[in-house]
Amino acid sequence: MEEKTEACFQSEICIGSSEVPSTWVAVCPKCNRRFRLLWPFGILHIPLHRVVDLRCPFYRDSFSLVAISLMAWDGSERLAAGLVEGLG
């Protein structure tokens, strides 16, 4: 399987009714740590009900969340980056 690199990803997209692209944050259900998301290029906007497949940068495990559970990142803290592996 080909390894994904951060060079193939972007940090900002629109979710739901947002019109300004933002960086989004998820919380890993296994380790409870927050991380910012890197999205595959080409994804510009997703609806709130879309399932997002993620990989935790700390626990190194994959899991899925509904987009409405993501939080916009205000940049006030340094967060590790986790990859969006796909959309369900």
Protein backbone atom coordinates (compact mmCIF):
# COMPACT_ATOMS: atom_id res chain seq x y z
CA MET A 1 0.00 0.00 0.00
CA GLU A 2 1.27 3.48 -0.87
CA GLU A 3 2.19 5.70 2.09
CA LYS A 4 0.37 9.05 2.16
CA THR A 5 2.40 12.19 2.76
CA GLU A 6 1.32 15.62 3.96
CA ALA A 7 2.24 17.01 0.51
CA CYS A 8 -0.99 15.47 -0.89
CA PHE A 9 -3.20 17.24 1.64
CA GLN A 10 -4.65 20.69 2.41
CA SER A 11 -5.58 22.14 5.78
CA GLU A 12 -8.71 24.20 5.05
CA ILE A 13 -12.17 23.31 3.72
CA CYS A 14 -15.77 24.45 4.26
CA ILE A 15 -18.17 22.29 6.28
CA GLY A 16 -21.94 22.77 6.30
CA SER A 17 -23.08 26.32 5.62
CA SER A 18 -19.65 27.87 6.22
CA GLU A 19 -18.50 30.01 3.30
CA VAL A 20 -14.95 30.64 4.49
CA PRO A 21 -12.54 27.69 4.47
CA SER A 22 -11.33 26.76 7.95
CA THR A 23 -8.97 24.31 9.59
CA TRP A 24 -10.89 21.66 11.53
CA VAL A 25 -10.10 19.75 14.72
CA ALA A 26 -11.13 16.24 15.80
CA VAL A 27 -10.79 14.38 19.09
CA CYS A 28 -9.60 10.77 19.04
CA PRO A 29 -12.13 8.52 20.82
CA LYS A 30 -9.36 6.21 22.07
CA CYS A 31 -6.78 8.66 23.46
CA ASN A 32 -8.97 11.81 23.84
CA ARG A 33 -6.31 14.03 22.23
CA ARG A 34 -7.18 16.85 19.84
CA PHE A 35 -5.55 17.16 16.41
CA ARG A 36 -6.03 19.32 13.32
CA LEU A 37 -7.13 17.70 10.08
CA LEU A 38 -5.36 17.52 6.75
CA TRP A 39 -7.80 16.89 3.88
CA PRO A 40 -7.00 15.26 0.52
CA PHE A 41 -6.64 17.85 -2.26
CA GLY A 42 -9.85 18.28 -4.20
CA ILE A 43 -12.16 18.24 -1.18
CA LEU A 44 -13.40 21.81 -0.83
CA HIS A 45 -16.78 21.50 0.91
CA ILE A 46 -18.70 18.74 2.70
CA PRO A 47 -22.16 18.64 4.31
CA LEU A 48 -22.58 18.34 8.09
CA HIS A 49 -23.97 14.79 7.83
CA ARG A 50 -20.96 13.42 5.92
CA VAL A 51 -18.94 10.64 7.59
CA VAL A 52 -15.22 11.45 7.74
CA ASP A 53 -12.62 8.66 8.04
CA LEU A 54 -9.62 9.81 10.09
CA ARG A 55 -6.29 8.57 11.43
CA CYS A 56 -5.16 9.71 14.88
CA PRO A 57 -1.53 10.96 14.79
CA PHE A 58 -0.97 9.80 18.39
CA TYR A 59 -2.79 6.48 18.68
CA ARG A 60 -2.11 5.64 14.99
CA ASP A 61 -5.56 4.11 14.65
CA SER A 62 -8.32 4.85 12.15
CA PHE A 63 -11.84 5.87 13.16
CA SER A 64 -14.85 7.68 11.68
CA LEU A 65 -16.81 10.75 12.77
CA VAL A 66 -19.74 12.71 11.40
CA ALA A 67 -18.59 16.14 10.13
CA ILE A 68 -20.92 18.00 12.51
CA SER A 69 -18.76 16.78 15.43
CA LEU A 70 -15.65 18.57 14.11
CA MET A 71 -14.61 21.93 15.58
CA ALA A 72 -13.11 24.92 13.76
CA TRP A 73 -9.53 25.56 14.90
CA ASP A 74 -8.76 29.09 16.07
CA GLY A 75 -4.98 28.60 15.97
CA SER A 76 -4.55 29.42 19.67
CA GLU A 77 -2.70 26.19 20.40
CA ARG A 78 -0.25 24.02 18.50
CA LEU A 79 -1.87 20.79 17.38
CA ALA A 80 -0.47 17.76 15.64
CA ALA A 81 -1.86 17.00 12.20
CA GLY A 82 -3.97 13.92 11.46
CA LEU A 83 -4.98 12.72 8.01
CA VAL A 84 -8.46 12.47 6.58
CA GLU A 85 -8.33 9.08 4.88
CA GLY A 86 -11.66 9.32 3.09
CA LEU A 87 -15.31 10.25 3.16
CA GLY A 88 -18.14 7.81 3.75
